[in-house]
Amino acid sequence: MQFESSCKEKLSHSLFGGTCSDIITHDVFTVFLSKTDGTYYCNFKALGQDVICGSIPQIAKGEWLQELRENNISFSDKNDGPIEILIGVDIAGKLMTGGFKLLASGPAAIETKLGWTVFGKNGMREISDNSTDNCSSHPC
């Protein structure tokens, strides 16, 4: 994705297991997102990072897809590819609508203003690693 940096921010990432990175300088960008049907728009500041996370496999086919359809839950991210935007908890909490469905087949679906997010295990493999990235931040 091509964005113009508005400033730089220095921070250290505190990782799972207690490891901390050295202080890293990240470009800061304003990101504009919308729901695929155009009914909601938002923008927020995001940090630049060449690689956001490791490979996340395409959503596995299974009975739980029918369960999603039966609950009128659709998702647009059906293809493999690099993760281009990772929304942190500082923004994600503001996007939550309160809609939640725990599927009998294992995964959970949470409704956001941008659409549904499906995560958890589907009986065969994990869909999302649910990792967290805490950081101490030094503002621009």
C-alpha atoms as a PDB file:
ATOM      1  CA  MET A   1       0.000   0.000   0.000  1.00  0.00           C
ATOM      2  CA  GLN A   2       1.200   3.490  -0.755  1.00  0.00           C
ATOM      3  CA  PHE A   3       0.658   6.166   1.879  1.00  0.00           C
ATOM      4  CA  GLU A   4       2.449   9.401   2.686  1.00  0.00           C
ATOM      5  CA  SER A   5       4.083   9.504   6.121  1.00  0.00           C
ATOM      6  CA  SER A   6       2.947  12.375   8.354  1.00  0.00           C
ATOM      7  CA  CYS A   7       5.708  11.960  10.974  1.00  0.00           C
ATOM      8  CA  LYS A   8       7.869   9.341  12.682  1.00  0.00           C
ATOM      9  CA  GLU A   9       7.386   7.539  15.992  1.00  0.00           C
ATOM     10  CA  LYS A  10       9.967   5.671  18.063  1.00  0.00           C
ATOM     11  CA  LEU A  11       8.906   2.701  20.135  1.00  0.00           C
ATOM     12  CA  SER A  12       9.977  -0.617  21.575  1.00  0.00           C
ATOM     13  CA  HIS A  13       7.802  -3.684  20.982  1.00  0.00           C
ATOM     14  CA  SER A  14       7.156  -5.923  23.998  1.00  0.00           C
ATOM     15  CA  LEU A  15       6.580  -9.398  22.576  1.00  0.00           C
ATOM     16  CA  PHE A  16       4.983 -12.612  23.813  1.00  0.00           C
ATOM     17  CA  GLY A  17       7.415 -14.342  26.159  1.00  0.00           C
ATOM     18  CA  GLY A  18       8.818 -11.098  27.551  1.00  0.00           C
ATOM     19  CA  THR A  19      11.238 -10.220  24.771  1.00  0.00           C
ATOM     20  CA  CYS A  20      11.539  -6.518  23.947  1.00  0.00           C
ATOM     21  CA  SER A  21      12.811  -5.131  20.679  1.00  0.00           C
ATOM     22  CA  ASP A  22      15.288  -2.304  20.419  1.00  0.00           C
ATOM     23  CA  ILE A  23      13.734   1.115  19.882  1.00  0.00           C
ATOM     24  CA  ILE A  24      12.561   1.228  16.280  1.00  0.00           C
ATOM     25  CA  THR A  25      11.555   4.284  14.257  1.00  0.00           C
ATOM     26  CA  HIS A  26       8.300   3.821  12.337  1.00  0.00           C
ATOM     27  CA  ASP A  27       6.679   6.118   9.797  1.00  0.00           C
ATOM     28  CA  VAL A  28       3.193   7.247  10.875  1.00  0.00           C
ATOM     29  CA  PHE A  29       0.409   7.198   8.283  1.00  0.00           C
ATOM     30  CA  THR A  30      -3.239   8.172   8.205  1.00  0.00           C
ATOM     31  CA  VAL A  31      -5.240   5.160   7.009  1.00  0.00           C
ATOM     32  CA  PHE A  32      -8.738   5.484   5.548  1.00  0.00           C
ATOM     33  CA  LEU A  33     -10.936   2.358   5.641  1.00  0.00           C
ATOM     34  CA  SER A  34     -14.538   1.643   4.745  1.00  0.00           C
ATOM     35  CA  LYS A  35     -16.998  -1.187   5.026  1.00  0.00           C
ATOM     36  CA  THR A  36     -17.193  -3.028   1.697  1.00  0.00           C
ATOM     37  CA  ASP A  37     -20.780  -1.844   1.136  1.00  0.00           C
ATOM     38  CA  GLY A  38     -19.775   1.796   1.740  1.00  0.00           C
ATOM     39  CA  THR A  39     -22.050   2.328   4.766  1.00  0.00           C
ATOM     40  CA  TYR A  40     -19.216   3.139   7.210  1.00  0.00           C
ATOM     41  CA  TYR A  41     -15.937   5.025   6.887  1.00  0.00           C
ATOM     42  CA  CYS A  42     -13.158   5.688   9.380  1.00  0.00           C
ATOM     43  CA  ASN A  43      -9.587   6.884   9.553  1.00  0.00           C
ATOM     44  CA  PHE A  44      -6.827   6.478  12.102  1.00  0.00           C
ATOM     45  CA  LYS A  45      -3.073   6.769  12.518  1.00  0.00           C
ATOM     46  CA  ALA A  46      -1.045   3.630  11.806  1.00  0.00           C
ATOM     47  CA  LEU A  47       2.621   2.738  12.049  1.00  0.00           C
ATOM     48  CA  GLY A  48       4.528   1.576   8.986  1.00  0.00           C
ATOM     49  CA  GLN A  49       6.093  -1.894   9.048  1.00  0.00           C
ATOM     50  CA  ASP A  50       7.339  -3.811   5.990  1.00  0.00           C
ATOM     51  CA  VAL A  51       6.186  -7.197   7.324  1.00  0.00           C
ATOM     52  CA  ILE A  52       3.330  -7.094   9.850  1.00  0.00           C
ATOM     53  CA  CYS A  53       3.143 -10.786  10.746  1.00  0.00           C
ATOM     54  CA  GLY A  54       3.848 -14.275   9.466  1.00  0.00           C
ATOM     55  CA  SER A  55       1.703 -16.161   7.009  1.00  0.00           C
ATOM     56  CA  ILE A  56      -1.957 -16.629   7.872  1.00  0.00           C
ATOM     57  CA  PRO A  57      -3.587 -19.359   5.777  1.00  0.00           C
ATOM     58  CA  GLN A  58      -6.703 -18.888   3.695  1.00  0.00           C
ATOM     59  CA  ILE A  59      -9.877 -19.661   5.620  1.00  0.00           C
ATOM     60  CA  ALA A  60     -10.429 -23.428   5.586  1.00  0.00           C
ATOM     61  CA  LYS A  61     -13.620 -24.794   4.095  1.00  0.00           C
ATOM     62  CA  GLY A  62     -15.861 -26.724   6.462  1.00  0.00           C
ATOM     63  CA  GLU A  63     -19.244 -27.031   8.147  1.00  0.00           C
ATOM     64  CA  TRP A  64     -18.673 -23.798  10.008  1.00  0.00           C
ATOM     65  CA  LEU A  65     -18.983 -21.827   6.726  1.00  0.00           C
ATOM     66  CA  GLN A  66     -22.604 -23.002   6.486  1.00  0.00           C
ATOM     67  CA  GLU A  67     -23.052 -21.991  10.127  1.00  0.00           C
ATOM     68  CA  LEU A  68     -21.843 -18.480   9.238  1.00  0.00           C
ATOM     69  CA  ARG A  69     -24.319 -18.283   6.340  1.00  0.00           C
ATOM     70  CA  GLU A  70     -27.175 -19.479   8.589  1.00  0.00           C
ATOM     71  CA  ASN A  71     -26.363 -16.596  10.960  1.00  0.00           C
ATOM     72  CA  ASN A  72     -26.170 -14.016   8.109  1.00  0.00           C
ATOM     73  CA  ILE A  73     -22.457 -13.549   8.759  1.00  0.00           C
ATOM     74  CA  SER A  74     -20.356 -12.862   5.692  1.00  0.00           C
ATOM     75  CA  PHE A  75     -16.709 -11.973   5.321  1.00  0.00           C
ATOM     76  CA  SER A  76     -14.835 -10.461   2.400  1.00  0.00           C
ATOM     77  CA  ASP A  77     -11.281 -11.686   3.028  1.00  0.00           C
ATOM     78  CA  LYS A  78     -11.346 -15.010   1.181  1.00  0.00           C
ATOM     79  CA  ASN A  79      -7.916 -15.005  -0.473  1.00  0.00           C
ATOM     80  CA  ASP A  80      -4.339 -15.664   0.592  1.00  0.00           C
ATOM     81  CA  GLY A  81      -2.006 -12.710   0.624  1.00  0.00           C
ATOM     82  CA  PRO A  82       0.093 -10.561   2.889  1.00  0.00           C
ATOM     83  CA  ILE A  83      -1.501  -8.795   5.831  1.00  0.00           C
ATOM     84  CA  GLU A  84      -1.590  -5.145   4.759  1.00  0.00           C
ATOM     85  CA  ILE A  85      -3.245  -3.548   7.801  1.00  0.00           C
ATOM     86  CA  LEU A  86      -3.331  -4.836  11.363  1.00  0.00           C
ATOM     87  CA  ILE A  87      -5.764  -2.903  13.541  1.00  0.00           C
ATOM     88  CA  GLY A  88      -4.550  -2.684  17.127  1.00  0.00           C
ATOM     89  CA  VAL A  89      -6.667  -2.858  20.254  1.00  0.00           C
ATOM     90  CA  ASP A  90      -6.551   0.941  20.594  1.00  0.00           C
ATOM     91  CA  ILE A  91      -8.665   1.211  17.422  1.00  0.00           C
ATOM     92  CA  ALA A  92     -10.430  -2.180  17.352  1.00  0.00           C
ATOM     93  CA  GLY A  93     -12.352  -1.473  20.556  1.00  0.00           C
ATOM     94  CA  LYS A  94     -13.854   1.640  18.964  1.00  0.00           C
ATOM     95  CA  LEU A  95     -15.015  -0.413  15.964  1.00  0.00           C
ATOM     96  CA  MET A  96     -16.862  -3.112  17.946  1.00  0.00           C
ATOM     97  CA  THR A  97     -20.656  -3.101  17.652  1.00  0.00           C
ATOM     98  CA  GLY A  98     -21.374  -5.673  20.354  1.00  0.00           C
ATOM     99  CA  GLY A  99     -22.460  -8.297  17.837  1.00  0.00           C
ATOM    100  CA  PHE A 100     -20.991 -11.679  18.794  1.00  0.00           C
ATOM    101  CA  LYS A 101     -21.702 -15.248  17.794  1.00  0.00           C
ATOM    102  CA  LEU A 102     -19.927 -18.302  19.195  1.00  0.00           C
ATOM    103  CA  LEU A 103     -20.252 -20.973  16.527  1.00  0.00           C
ATOM    104  CA  ALA A 104     -20.972 -24.558  17.561  1.00  0.00           C
ATOM    105  CA  SER A 105     -18.120 -25.673  15.282  1.00  0.00           C
ATOM    106  CA  GLY A 106     -15.543 -23.731  17.303  1.00  0.00           C
ATOM    107  CA  PRO A 107     -14.762 -20.278  15.888  1.00  0.00           C
ATOM    108  CA  ALA A 108     -16.261 -17.030  17.166  1.00  0.00           C
ATOM    109  CA  ALA A 109     -17.518 -14.165  15.011  1.00  0.00           C
ATOM    110  CA  ILE A 110     -17.391 -10.575  16.247  1.00  0.00           C
ATOM    111  CA  GLU A 111     -19.178  -7.789  14.409  1.00  0.00           C
ATOM    112  CA  THR A 112     -17.333  -4.527  13.826  1.00  0.00           C
ATOM    113  CA  LYS A 113     -18.380  -1.371  12.015  1.00  0.00           C
ATOM    114  CA  LEU A 114     -16.219  -2.624   9.116  1.00  0.00           C
ATOM    115  CA  GLY A 115     -17.828  -6.082   8.990  1.00  0.00           C
ATOM    116  CA  TRP A 116     -17.429  -9.430  10.733  1.00  0.00           C
ATOM    117  CA  THR A 117     -14.155 -10.848  12.051  1.00  0.00           C
ATOM    118  CA  VAL A 118     -13.930 -14.609  12.499  1.00  0.00           C
ATOM    119  CA  PHE A 119     -11.292 -16.093  14.783  1.00  0.00           C
ATOM    120  CA  GLY A 120     -10.524 -19.156  16.830  1.00  0.00           C
ATOM    121  CA  LYS A 121     -10.157 -22.807  15.948  1.00  0.00           C
ATOM    122  CA  ASN A 122     -12.392 -24.621  13.482  1.00  0.00           C
ATOM    123  CA  GLY A 123     -11.551 -28.143  14.631  1.00  0.00           C
ATOM    124  CA  MET A 124      -8.834 -28.568  12.017  1.00  0.00           C
ATOM    125  CA  ARG A 125      -6.497 -25.634  12.454  1.00  0.00           C
ATOM    126  CA  GLU A 126      -6.318 -22.201  13.927  1.00  0.00           C
ATOM    127  CA  ILE A 127      -7.848 -19.404  11.839  1.00  0.00           C
ATOM    128  CA  SER A 128      -6.148 -16.464  13.550  1.00  0.00           C
ATOM    129  CA  ASP A 129      -3.310 -16.489  16.032  1.00  0.00           C
ATOM    130  CA  ASN A 130      -4.906 -13.767  18.204  1.00  0.00           C
ATOM    131  CA  SER A 131      -1.447 -12.443  19.075  1.00  0.00           C
ATOM    132  CA  THR A 132      -1.030  -9.122  20.774  1.00  0.00           C
ATOM    133  CA  ASP A 133       1.642  -6.510  20.384  1.00  0.00           C
ATOM    134  CA  ASN A 134       2.105  -4.191  23.331  1.00  0.00           C
ATOM    135  CA  CYS A 135       4.361  -1.207  22.955  1.00  0.00           C
ATOM    136  CA  SER A 136       5.639   1.808  24.762  1.00  0.00           C
ATOM    137  CA  SER A 137       5.290   4.816  22.533  1.00  0.00           C
ATOM    138  CA  HIS A 138       7.123   8.092  22.140  1.00  0.00           C
ATOM    139  CA  PRO A 139       4.756  10.473  20.285  1.00  0.00           C
ATOM    140  CA  CYS A 140       5.722  12.469  17.185  1.00  0.00           C
END
